[in-house]
Amino acid sequence: MNCVHCGKEVGFEYRRDSLGNYFCNDRCYEDFDHEEVDLHPYIDSYEMVRRDCLMWEAEWEDRLQDSEHYLSEIKEFTSALNAYLWDYYSFMAEDFGDGIYRQEIAMYLRRMEDLIGKIRDWRPKRKVYKSVFLYFDPEFLKLGESYEIAYHAVLDAVFERDQNNLYKEICKLVNLGFITNDQDEPFDNELFLVYETEEEATKVKRTFRKVFSEKELEIQFNPAVLCDCLKCGSYVSNLDERRIKGWIFYPYCYWLEEYALYYS
């Protein structure tokens, strides 16, 4: 279809008048001489539904991506859209004929129904971090039952054998990447560090290799992301993530069950 005013092909934001003419957008519509055809009983409803639909479609993804709690935002979006659809489908059920605006309103309501599905299927664009796993030989270094104890045990071991004045540098690197939270599972034999860049992660490996042998310490790199709950603050690598319908969680996340119930 082409705009009756400027002749360009119309896109997703087109507008129509009561005679069925297509316009590129509101500007072309307003510049066109059509005062008489504006006198239609359902034009206000059409303009409102069209405006609301275009607003939802333009804003929903950015609003979700910027949210501090994805699931709450998704629930709010879908609840509001469902309430809107309920009101308008009740309106459409009445016998208002089958004119241009009735057809257009029905089309926009279907677009909103499709949007609900898109919102439920949406997943965030996650920032990917570089994680470093330091696996210590338990016969060489017993680290304890918590990440805090492990953290200090590793630095103590570095301090005891530091021959090249690396202790301060290693402390700085470990402090930069050290992650802990209230939901941490009992510690085994690895220290989990997370960095913004691969350069920082590589420096950890290079520096630790000056202190510990390969037999004493195995070092692995893995990608990591923040837990999708956005509340627990945990980073999760692809070695221990828990996935639910495309969401990624720290396996001990307190809010994981909330997502599991919603998407079950």
C-alpha atoms as a PDB file:
ATOM      1  CA  MET A   1       0.000   0.000   0.000  1.00  0.00           C
ATOM      2  CA  ASN A   2       1.098   3.573  -0.690  1.00  0.00           C
ATOM      3  CA  CYS A   3       0.461   6.789   1.181  1.00  0.00           C
ATOM      4  CA  VAL A   4      -2.326   8.771  -0.503  1.00  0.00           C
ATOM      5  CA  HIS A   5      -0.577  11.998   0.466  1.00  0.00           C
ATOM      6  CA  CYS A   6       3.125  11.507  -0.380  1.00  0.00           C
ATOM      7  CA  GLY A   7       2.999   8.311  -2.454  1.00  0.00           C
ATOM      8  CA  LYS A   8       5.568   6.402  -0.394  1.00  0.00           C
ATOM      9  CA  GLU A   9       4.987   2.786   0.596  1.00  0.00           C
ATOM     10  CA  VAL A  10       3.520   2.666   4.084  1.00  0.00           C
ATOM     11  CA  GLY A  11       5.126   0.758   6.958  1.00  0.00           C
ATOM     12  CA  PHE A  12       4.127  -0.559  10.349  1.00  0.00           C
ATOM     13  CA  GLU A  13       3.070   2.886  11.624  1.00  0.00           C
ATOM     14  CA  TYR A  14       0.559   3.629   8.876  1.00  0.00           C
ATOM     15  CA  ARG A  15      -2.732   5.380   9.554  1.00  0.00           C
ATOM     16  CA  ARG A  16      -6.071   5.192   7.730  1.00  0.00           C
ATOM     17  CA  ASP A  17      -9.069   7.446   7.308  1.00  0.00           C
ATOM     18  CA  SER A  18     -12.715   6.344   7.189  1.00  0.00           C
ATOM     19  CA  LEU A  19     -12.611   6.058   3.385  1.00  0.00           C
ATOM     20  CA  GLY A  20      -9.872   3.450   3.625  1.00  0.00           C
ATOM     21  CA  ASN A  21      -6.997   5.679   2.472  1.00  0.00           C
ATOM     22  CA  TYR A  22      -3.531   4.824   3.797  1.00  0.00           C
ATOM     23  CA  PHE A  23      -1.061   7.372   5.189  1.00  0.00           C
ATOM     24  CA  CYS A  24       2.622   6.903   6.098  1.00  0.00           C
ATOM     25  CA  ASN A  25       2.212   8.386   9.533  1.00  0.00           C
ATOM     26  CA  ASP A  26       0.400  11.033  11.545  1.00  0.00           C
ATOM     27  CA  ARG A  27       2.186  13.884   9.796  1.00  0.00           C
ATOM     28  CA  CYS A  28       0.993  12.851   6.316  1.00  0.00           C
ATOM     29  CA  TYR A  29      -2.481  12.262   7.706  1.00  0.00           C
ATOM     30  CA  GLU A  30      -2.638  15.731   9.252  1.00  0.00           C
ATOM     31  CA  ASP A  31      -1.313  17.425   6.089  1.00  0.00           C
ATOM     32  CA  PHE A  32      -4.041  15.816   3.967  1.00  0.00           C
ATOM     33  CA  ASP A  33      -7.394  17.560   3.439  1.00  0.00           C
ATOM     34  CA  HIS A  34      -9.907  15.166   5.016  1.00  0.00           C
ATOM     35  CA  GLU A  35     -12.076  17.139   7.451  1.00  0.00           C
ATOM     36  CA  GLU A  36     -15.330  15.516   6.360  1.00  0.00           C
ATOM     37  CA  VAL A  37     -14.088  11.937   6.655  1.00  0.00           C
ATOM     38  CA  ASP A  38     -12.966  12.593  10.241  1.00  0.00           C
ATOM     39  CA  LEU A  39     -16.620  12.636  11.297  1.00  0.00           C
ATOM     40  CA  HIS A  40     -16.806   8.927  12.067  1.00  0.00           C
ATOM     41  CA  PRO A  41     -18.315   7.425  15.255  1.00  0.00           C
ATOM     42  CA  TYR A  42     -15.356   5.136  15.958  1.00  0.00           C
ATOM     43  CA  ILE A  43     -12.422   7.332  14.968  1.00  0.00           C
ATOM     44  CA  ASP A  44     -11.538   8.164  18.586  1.00  0.00           C
ATOM     45  CA  SER A  45     -11.423   4.475  19.543  1.00  0.00           C
ATOM     46  CA  TYR A  46      -9.336   3.695  16.462  1.00  0.00           C
ATOM     47  CA  GLU A  47      -6.844   6.472  17.190  1.00  0.00           C
ATOM     48  CA  MET A  48      -6.511   5.442  20.827  1.00  0.00           C
ATOM     49  CA  VAL A  49      -5.962   1.743  20.091  1.00  0.00           C
ATOM     50  CA  ARG A  50      -3.510   2.538  17.306  1.00  0.00           C
ATOM     51  CA  ARG A  51      -1.574   4.975  19.513  1.00  0.00           C
ATOM     52  CA  ASP A  52      -1.417   2.551  22.439  1.00  0.00           C
ATOM     53  CA  CYS A  53      -0.350  -0.377  20.266  1.00  0.00           C
ATOM     54  CA  LEU A  54       2.465   1.593  18.611  1.00  0.00           C
ATOM     55  CA  MET A  55       3.594   2.863  22.018  1.00  0.00           C
ATOM     56  CA  TRP A  56       3.764  -0.666  23.496  1.00  0.00           C
ATOM     57  CA  GLU A  57       5.588  -2.015  20.455  1.00  0.00           C
ATOM     58  CA  ALA A  58       8.141   0.806  20.550  1.00  0.00           C
ATOM     59  CA  GLU A  59       8.874   0.726  24.280  1.00  0.00           C
ATOM     60  CA  TRP A  60       8.528  -2.814  25.606  1.00  0.00           C
ATOM     61  CA  GLU A  61      11.968  -4.250  24.767  1.00  0.00           C
ATOM     62  CA  ASP A  62      14.005  -1.277  26.009  1.00  0.00           C
ATOM     63  CA  ARG A  63      11.924  -1.136  29.165  1.00  0.00           C
ATOM     64  CA  LEU A  64      12.531  -4.819  29.869  1.00  0.00           C
ATOM     65  CA  GLN A  65      16.246  -4.601  29.123  1.00  0.00           C
ATOM     66  CA  ASP A  66      16.586  -1.650  31.523  1.00  0.00           C
ATOM     67  CA  SER A  67      14.522  -3.312  34.254  1.00  0.00           C
ATOM     68  CA  GLU A  68      15.919  -4.120  37.685  1.00  0.00           C
ATOM     69  CA  HIS A  69      13.724  -7.222  37.902  1.00  0.00           C
ATOM     70  CA  TYR A  70      12.750  -8.845  34.613  1.00  0.00           C
ATOM     71  CA  LEU A  71       9.970 -11.100  35.838  1.00  0.00           C
ATOM     72  CA  SER A  72       8.090  -8.331  37.670  1.00  0.00           C
ATOM     73  CA  GLU A  73       8.294  -6.177  34.549  1.00  0.00           C
ATOM     74  CA  ILE A  74       7.058  -9.026  32.327  1.00  0.00           C
ATOM     75  CA  LYS A  75       4.141  -9.690  34.669  1.00  0.00           C
ATOM     76  CA  GLU A  76       3.222  -5.993  34.725  1.00  0.00           C
ATOM     77  CA  PHE A  77       3.414  -5.727  30.924  1.00  0.00           C
ATOM     78  CA  THR A  78       1.351  -8.814  30.188  1.00  0.00           C
ATOM     79  CA  SER A  79      -1.239  -8.051  32.881  1.00  0.00           C
ATOM     80  CA  ALA A  80      -1.756  -4.534  31.518  1.00  0.00           C
ATOM     81  CA  LEU A  81      -2.034  -5.790  27.936  1.00  0.00           C
ATOM     82  CA  ASN A  82      -4.473  -8.551  28.909  1.00  0.00           C
ATOM     83  CA  ALA A  83      -6.659  -6.039  30.766  1.00  0.00           C
ATOM     84  CA  TYR A  84      -6.580  -3.739  27.738  1.00  0.00           C
ATOM     85  CA  LEU A  85      -7.548  -6.568  25.399  1.00  0.00           C
ATOM     86  CA  TRP A  86     -10.370  -7.667  27.681  1.00  0.00           C
ATOM     87  CA  ASP A  87     -11.881  -4.168  27.612  1.00  0.00           C
ATOM     88  CA  TYR A  88     -11.667  -3.804  23.851  1.00  0.00           C
ATOM     89  CA  TYR A  89     -12.794  -7.285  22.950  1.00  0.00           C
ATOM     90  CA  SER A  90     -15.890  -6.587  25.064  1.00  0.00           C
ATOM     91  CA  PHE A  91     -16.367  -3.435  22.989  1.00  0.00           C
ATOM     92  CA  MET A  92     -15.868  -5.328  19.709  1.00  0.00           C
ATOM     93  CA  ALA A  93     -18.417  -7.937  20.704  1.00  0.00           C
ATOM     94  CA  GLU A  94     -21.181  -5.377  20.290  1.00  0.00           C
ATOM     95  CA  ASP A  95     -22.848  -4.920  16.907  1.00  0.00           C
ATOM     96  CA  PHE A  96     -20.978  -1.911  15.536  1.00  0.00           C
ATOM     97  CA  GLY A  97     -20.998  -2.989  11.915  1.00  0.00           C
ATOM     98  CA  ASP A  98     -17.942  -3.929   9.895  1.00  0.00           C
ATOM     99  CA  GLY A  99     -16.360  -0.633   8.810  1.00  0.00           C
ATOM    100  CA  ILE A 100     -12.734   0.328   8.264  1.00  0.00           C
ATOM    101  CA  TYR A 101     -12.111   1.340  11.859  1.00  0.00           C
ATOM    102  CA  ARG A 102     -13.663  -1.810  13.318  1.00  0.00           C
ATOM    103  CA  GLN A 103     -11.329  -3.867  11.106  1.00  0.00           C
ATOM    104  CA  GLU A 104      -8.340  -1.743  12.084  1.00  0.00           C
ATOM    105  CA  ILE A 105      -9.120  -1.942  15.797  1.00  0.00           C
ATOM    106  CA  ALA A 106      -9.375  -5.746  15.549  1.00  0.00           C
ATOM    107  CA  MET A 107      -6.019  -5.835  13.737  1.00  0.00           C
ATOM    108  CA  TYR A 108      -4.290  -3.781  16.444  1.00  0.00           C
ATOM    109  CA  LEU A 109      -5.749  -5.995  19.148  1.00  0.00           C
ATOM    110  CA  ARG A 110      -4.283  -9.039  17.383  1.00  0.00           C
ATOM    111  CA  ARG A 111      -0.931  -7.250  17.273  1.00  0.00           C
ATOM    112  CA  MET A 112      -1.170  -6.741  21.024  1.00  0.00           C
ATOM    113  CA  GLU A 113      -1.933 -10.430  21.503  1.00  0.00           C
ATOM    114  CA  ASP A 114       1.196 -11.257  19.509  1.00  0.00           C
ATOM    115  CA  LEU A 115       3.125  -8.787  21.645  1.00  0.00           C
ATOM    116  CA  ILE A 116       2.179 -10.662  24.825  1.00  0.00           C
ATOM    117  CA  GLY A 117       3.798 -13.771  23.366  1.00  0.00           C
ATOM    118  CA  LYS A 118       6.934 -11.816  22.418  1.00  0.00           C
ATOM    119  CA  ILE A 119       7.203 -10.377  25.921  1.00  0.00           C
ATOM    120  CA  ARG A 120       6.928 -13.802  27.549  1.00  0.00           C
ATOM    121  CA  ASP A 121       9.512 -15.227  25.137  1.00  0.00           C
ATOM    122  CA  TRP A 122      11.941 -12.316  25.553  1.00  0.00           C
ATOM    123  CA  ARG A 123      15.330 -12.928  27.151  1.00  0.00           C
ATOM    124  CA  PRO A 124      17.864 -10.233  28.077  1.00  0.00           C
ATOM    125  CA  LYS A 125      20.997  -9.250  26.218  1.00  0.00           C
ATOM    126  CA  ARG A 126      23.487 -10.332  28.841  1.00  0.00           C
ATOM    127  CA  LYS A 127      26.914  -8.855  29.407  1.00  0.00           C
ATOM    128  CA  VAL A 128      29.432 -11.708  29.266  1.00  0.00           C
ATOM    129  CA  TYR A 129      32.270 -11.653  31.781  1.00  0.00           C
ATOM    130  CA  LYS A 130      35.469 -13.718  31.971  1.00  0.00           C
ATOM    131  CA  SER A 131      35.562 -16.153  34.863  1.00  0.00           C
ATOM    132  CA  VAL A 132      38.669 -17.873  36.191  1.00  0.00           C
ATOM    133  CA  PHE A 133      38.443 -21.135  38.117  1.00  0.00           C
ATOM    134  CA  LEU A 134      41.452 -21.934  40.311  1.00  0.00           C
ATOM    135  CA  TYR A 135      41.328 -25.666  41.145  1.00  0.00           C
ATOM    136  CA  PHE A 136      43.768 -26.414  43.958  1.00  0.00           C
ATOM    137  CA  ASP A 137      44.991 -29.912  44.715  1.00  0.00           C
ATOM    138  CA  PRO A 138      43.306 -30.740  48.057  1.00  0.00           C
ATOM    139  CA  GLU A 139      46.420 -32.597  49.185  1.00  0.00           C
ATOM    140  CA  PHE A 140      48.377 -29.414  48.707  1.00  0.00           C
ATOM    141  CA  LEU A 141      45.947 -26.832  50.079  1.00  0.00           C
ATOM    142  CA  LYS A 142      42.875 -27.442  52.231  1.00  0.00           C
ATOM    143  CA  LEU A 143      40.709 -24.406  51.725  1.00  0.00           C
ATOM    144  CA  GLY A 144      37.843 -24.796  54.175  1.00  0.00           C
ATOM    145  CA  GLU A 145      34.060 -24.703  53.883  1.00  0.00           C
ATOM    146  CA  SER A 146      33.380 -21.181  52.643  1.00  0.00           C
ATOM    147  CA  TYR A 147      34.566 -18.856  49.919  1.00  0.00           C
ATOM    148  CA  GLU A 148      35.787 -16.347  52.493  1.00  0.00           C
ATOM    149  CA  ILE A 149      37.997 -18.983  54.136  1.00  0.00           C
ATOM    150  CA  ALA A 150      39.215 -20.161  50.729  1.00  0.00           C
ATOM    151  CA  TYR A 151      39.989 -16.607  49.700  1.00  0.00           C
ATOM    152  CA  HIS A 152      42.216 -16.009  52.708  1.00  0.00           C
ATOM    153  CA  ALA A 153      43.788 -19.479  52.539  1.00  0.00           C
ATOM    154  CA  VAL A 154      44.925 -18.896  48.957  1.00  0.00           C
ATOM    155  CA  LEU A 155      46.441 -15.519  49.791  1.00  0.00           C
ATOM    156  CA  ASP A 156      48.144 -16.984  52.877  1.00  0.00           C
ATOM    157  CA  ALA A 157      49.669 -19.698  50.685  1.00  0.00           C
ATOM    158  CA  VAL A 158      50.905 -17.062  48.240  1.00  0.00           C
ATOM    159  CA  PHE A 159      52.401 -15.036  51.078  1.00  0.00           C
ATOM    160  CA  GLU A 160      54.218 -18.053  52.520  1.00  0.00           C
ATOM    161  CA  ARG A 161      55.973 -18.974  49.275  1.00  0.00           C
ATOM    162  CA  ASP A 162      56.287 -15.599  47.574  1.00  0.00           C
ATOM    163  CA  GLN A 163      59.832 -15.442  46.276  1.00  0.00           C
ATOM    164  CA  ASN A 164      59.325 -12.740  43.654  1.00  0.00           C
ATOM    165  CA  ASN A 165      57.371 -10.081  45.542  1.00  0.00           C
ATOM    166  CA  LEU A 166      54.127 -11.135  43.822  1.00  0.00           C
ATOM    167  CA  TYR A 167      51.947 -11.096  46.926  1.00  0.00           C
ATOM    168  CA  LYS A 168      50.672  -7.519  46.507  1.00  0.00           C
ATOM    169  CA  GLU A 169      49.993  -8.042  42.810  1.00  0.00           C
ATOM    170  CA  ILE A 170      48.077 -11.286  43.429  1.00  0.00           C
ATOM    171  CA  CYS A 171      46.092  -9.668  46.260  1.00  0.00           C
ATOM    172  CA  LYS A 172      45.078  -6.888  43.882  1.00  0.00           C
ATOM    173  CA  LEU A 173      44.060  -9.338  41.141  1.00  0.00           C
ATOM    174  CA  VAL A 174      42.094 -11.586  43.506  1.00  0.00           C
ATOM    175  CA  ASN A 175      40.357  -8.653  45.182  1.00  0.00           C
ATOM    176  CA  LEU A 176      39.354  -7.317  41.777  1.00  0.00           C
ATOM    177  CA  GLY A 177      37.715 -10.585  40.723  1.00  0.00           C
ATOM    178  CA  PHE A 178      36.548 -12.095  44.010  1.00  0.00           C
ATOM    179  CA  ILE A 179      32.805 -12.800  44.149  1.00  0.00           C
ATOM    180  CA  THR A 180      30.731 -13.986  47.087  1.00  0.00           C
ATOM    181  CA  ASN A 181      27.107 -13.701  48.239  1.00  0.00           C
ATOM    182  CA  ASP A 182      24.740 -14.997  50.902  1.00  0.00           C
ATOM    183  CA  GLN A 183      23.566 -17.918  48.767  1.00  0.00           C
ATOM    184  CA  ASP A 184      27.017 -19.441  48.160  1.00  0.00           C
ATOM    185  CA  GLU A 185      27.125 -23.217  48.292  1.00  0.00           C
ATOM    186  CA  PRO A 186      29.707 -24.999  50.519  1.00  0.00           C
ATOM    187  CA  PHE A 187      33.170 -24.503  49.055  1.00  0.00           C
ATOM    188  CA  ASP A 188      35.024 -27.425  47.497  1.00  0.00           C
ATOM    189  CA  ASN A 189      38.497 -26.943  46.047  1.00  0.00           C
ATOM    190  CA  GLU A 190      38.185 -24.061  43.600  1.00  0.00           C
ATOM    191  CA  LEU A 191      38.219 -20.309  43.783  1.00  0.00           C
ATOM    192  CA  PHE A 192      35.872 -18.529  41.351  1.00  0.00           C
ATOM    193  CA  LEU A 193      36.972 -15.114  40.109  1.00  0.00           C
ATOM    194  CA  VAL A 194      35.157 -12.872  37.607  1.00  0.00           C
ATOM    195  CA  TYR A 195      36.633 -10.119  35.442  1.00  0.00           C
ATOM    196  CA  GLU A 196      35.436  -7.544  32.961  1.00  0.00           C
ATOM    197  CA  THR A 197      38.087  -8.316  30.339  1.00  0.00           C
ATOM    198  CA  GLU A 198      40.038 -11.267  29.026  1.00  0.00           C
ATOM    199  CA  GLU A 199      43.238  -9.328  29.627  1.00  0.00           C
ATOM    200  CA  GLU A 200      42.568  -9.275  33.378  1.00  0.00           C
ATOM    201  CA  ALA A 201      41.718 -12.994  33.423  1.00  0.00           C
ATOM    202  CA  THR A 202      44.873 -13.868  31.472  1.00  0.00           C
ATOM    203  CA  LYS A 203      46.979 -11.823  33.882  1.00  0.00           C
ATOM    204  CA  VAL A 204      45.601 -13.915  36.779  1.00  0.00           C
ATOM    205  CA  LYS A 205      46.723 -17.127  35.122  1.00  0.00           C
ATOM    206  CA  ARG A 206      50.130 -15.747  34.205  1.00  0.00           C
ATOM    207  CA  THR A 207      50.746 -14.432  37.731  1.00  0.00           C
ATOM    208  CA  PHE A 208      49.525 -17.526  39.604  1.00  0.00           C
ATOM    209  CA  ARG A 209      51.714 -19.702  37.421  1.00  0.00           C
ATOM    210  CA  LYS A 210      54.737 -17.927  38.910  1.00  0.00           C
ATOM    211  CA  VAL A 211      53.726 -19.156  42.367  1.00  0.00           C
ATOM    212  CA  PHE A 212      51.963 -22.525  41.909  1.00  0.00           C
ATOM    213  CA  SER A 213      52.900 -25.512  39.750  1.00  0.00           C
ATOM    214  CA  GLU A 214      50.440 -27.180  37.364  1.00  0.00           C
ATOM    215  CA  LYS A 215      50.209 -30.144  39.752  1.00  0.00           C
ATOM    216  CA  GLU A 216      49.211 -27.858  42.616  1.00  0.00           C
ATOM    217  CA  LEU A 217      46.824 -25.676  40.656  1.00  0.00           C
ATOM    218  CA  GLU A 218      44.692 -26.125  37.550  1.00  0.00           C
ATOM    219  CA  ILE A 219      43.385 -22.924  35.934  1.00  0.00           C
ATOM    220  CA  GLN A 220      40.373 -22.759  33.617  1.00  0.00           C
ATOM    221  CA  PHE A 221      38.634 -19.886  31.846  1.00  0.00           C
ATOM    222  CA  ASN A 222      34.875 -19.833  31.261  1.00  0.00           C
ATOM    223  CA  PRO A 223      32.312 -17.205  30.264  1.00  0.00           C
ATOM    224  CA  ALA A 224      30.074 -15.939  33.063  1.00  0.00           C
ATOM    225  CA  VAL A 225      26.970 -13.770  33.346  1.00  0.00           C
ATOM    226  CA  LEU A 226      24.993 -12.217  36.158  1.00  0.00           C
ATOM    227  CA  CYS A 227      22.132 -14.346  37.457  1.00  0.00           C
ATOM    228  CA  ASP A 228      18.957 -13.348  35.589  1.00  0.00           C
ATOM    229  CA  CYS A 229      17.044 -12.697  38.806  1.00  0.00           C
ATOM    230  CA  LEU A 230      19.061  -9.431  39.089  1.00  0.00           C
ATOM    231  CA  LYS A 231      18.591  -9.611  42.870  1.00  0.00           C
ATOM    232  CA  CYS A 232      21.061 -12.114  44.316  1.00  0.00           C
ATOM    233  CA  GLY A 233      24.007 -10.445  42.567  1.00  0.00           C
ATOM    234  CA  SER A 234      25.622 -13.791  41.763  1.00  0.00           C
ATOM    235  CA  TYR A 235      27.734 -14.480  38.710  1.00  0.00           C
ATOM    236  CA  VAL A 236      27.216 -17.847  37.088  1.00  0.00           C
ATOM    237  CA  SER A 237      29.512 -19.626  34.649  1.00  0.00           C
ATOM    238  CA  ASN A 238      28.383 -22.073  32.005  1.00  0.00           C
ATOM    239  CA  LEU A 239      29.791 -24.861  34.221  1.00  0.00           C
ATOM    240  CA  ASP A 240      27.211 -24.481  36.985  1.00  0.00           C
ATOM    241  CA  GLU A 241      24.310 -22.508  35.530  1.00  0.00           C
ATOM    242  CA  ARG A 242      20.695 -23.524  35.987  1.00  0.00           C
ATOM    243  CA  ARG A 243      18.511 -22.827  32.930  1.00  0.00           C
ATOM    244  CA  ILE A 244      14.731 -22.394  32.925  1.00  0.00           C
ATOM    245  CA  LYS A 245      13.087 -21.680  29.559  1.00  0.00           C
ATOM    246  CA  GLY A 246      16.131 -19.737  28.382  1.00  0.00           C
ATOM    247  CA  TRP A 247      16.728 -17.877  31.664  1.00  0.00           C
ATOM    248  CA  ILE A 248      20.118 -18.382  33.327  1.00  0.00           C
ATOM    249  CA  PHE A 249      20.413 -18.668  37.105  1.00  0.00           C
ATOM    250  CA  TYR A 250      22.907 -19.254  39.830  1.00  0.00           C
ATOM    251  CA  PRO A 251      21.903 -22.750  41.033  1.00  0.00           C
ATOM    252  CA  TYR A 252      21.405 -21.568  44.628  1.00  0.00           C
ATOM    253  CA  CYS A 253      19.479 -18.422  43.682  1.00  0.00           C
ATOM    254  CA  TYR A 254      16.617 -17.660  46.067  1.00  0.00           C
ATOM    255  CA  TRP A 255      14.383 -16.291  43.273  1.00  0.00           C
ATOM    256  CA  LEU A 256      14.905 -19.160  40.833  1.00  0.00           C
ATOM    257  CA  GLU A 257      11.717 -20.881  41.998  1.00  0.00           C
ATOM    258  CA  GLU A 258       9.634 -17.807  41.171  1.00  0.00           C
ATOM    259  CA  TYR A 259      10.700 -18.017  37.520  1.00  0.00           C
ATOM    260  CA  ALA A 260      10.225 -21.794  37.479  1.00  0.00           C
ATOM    261  CA  LEU A 261       6.600 -21.437  38.663  1.00  0.00           C
ATOM    262  CA  TYR A 262       5.819 -18.651  36.199  1.00  0.00           C
ATOM    263  CA  TYR A 263       7.192 -20.570  33.195  1.00  0.00           C
ATOM    264  CA  SER A 264       5.981 -24.040  34.171  1.00  0.00           C
END
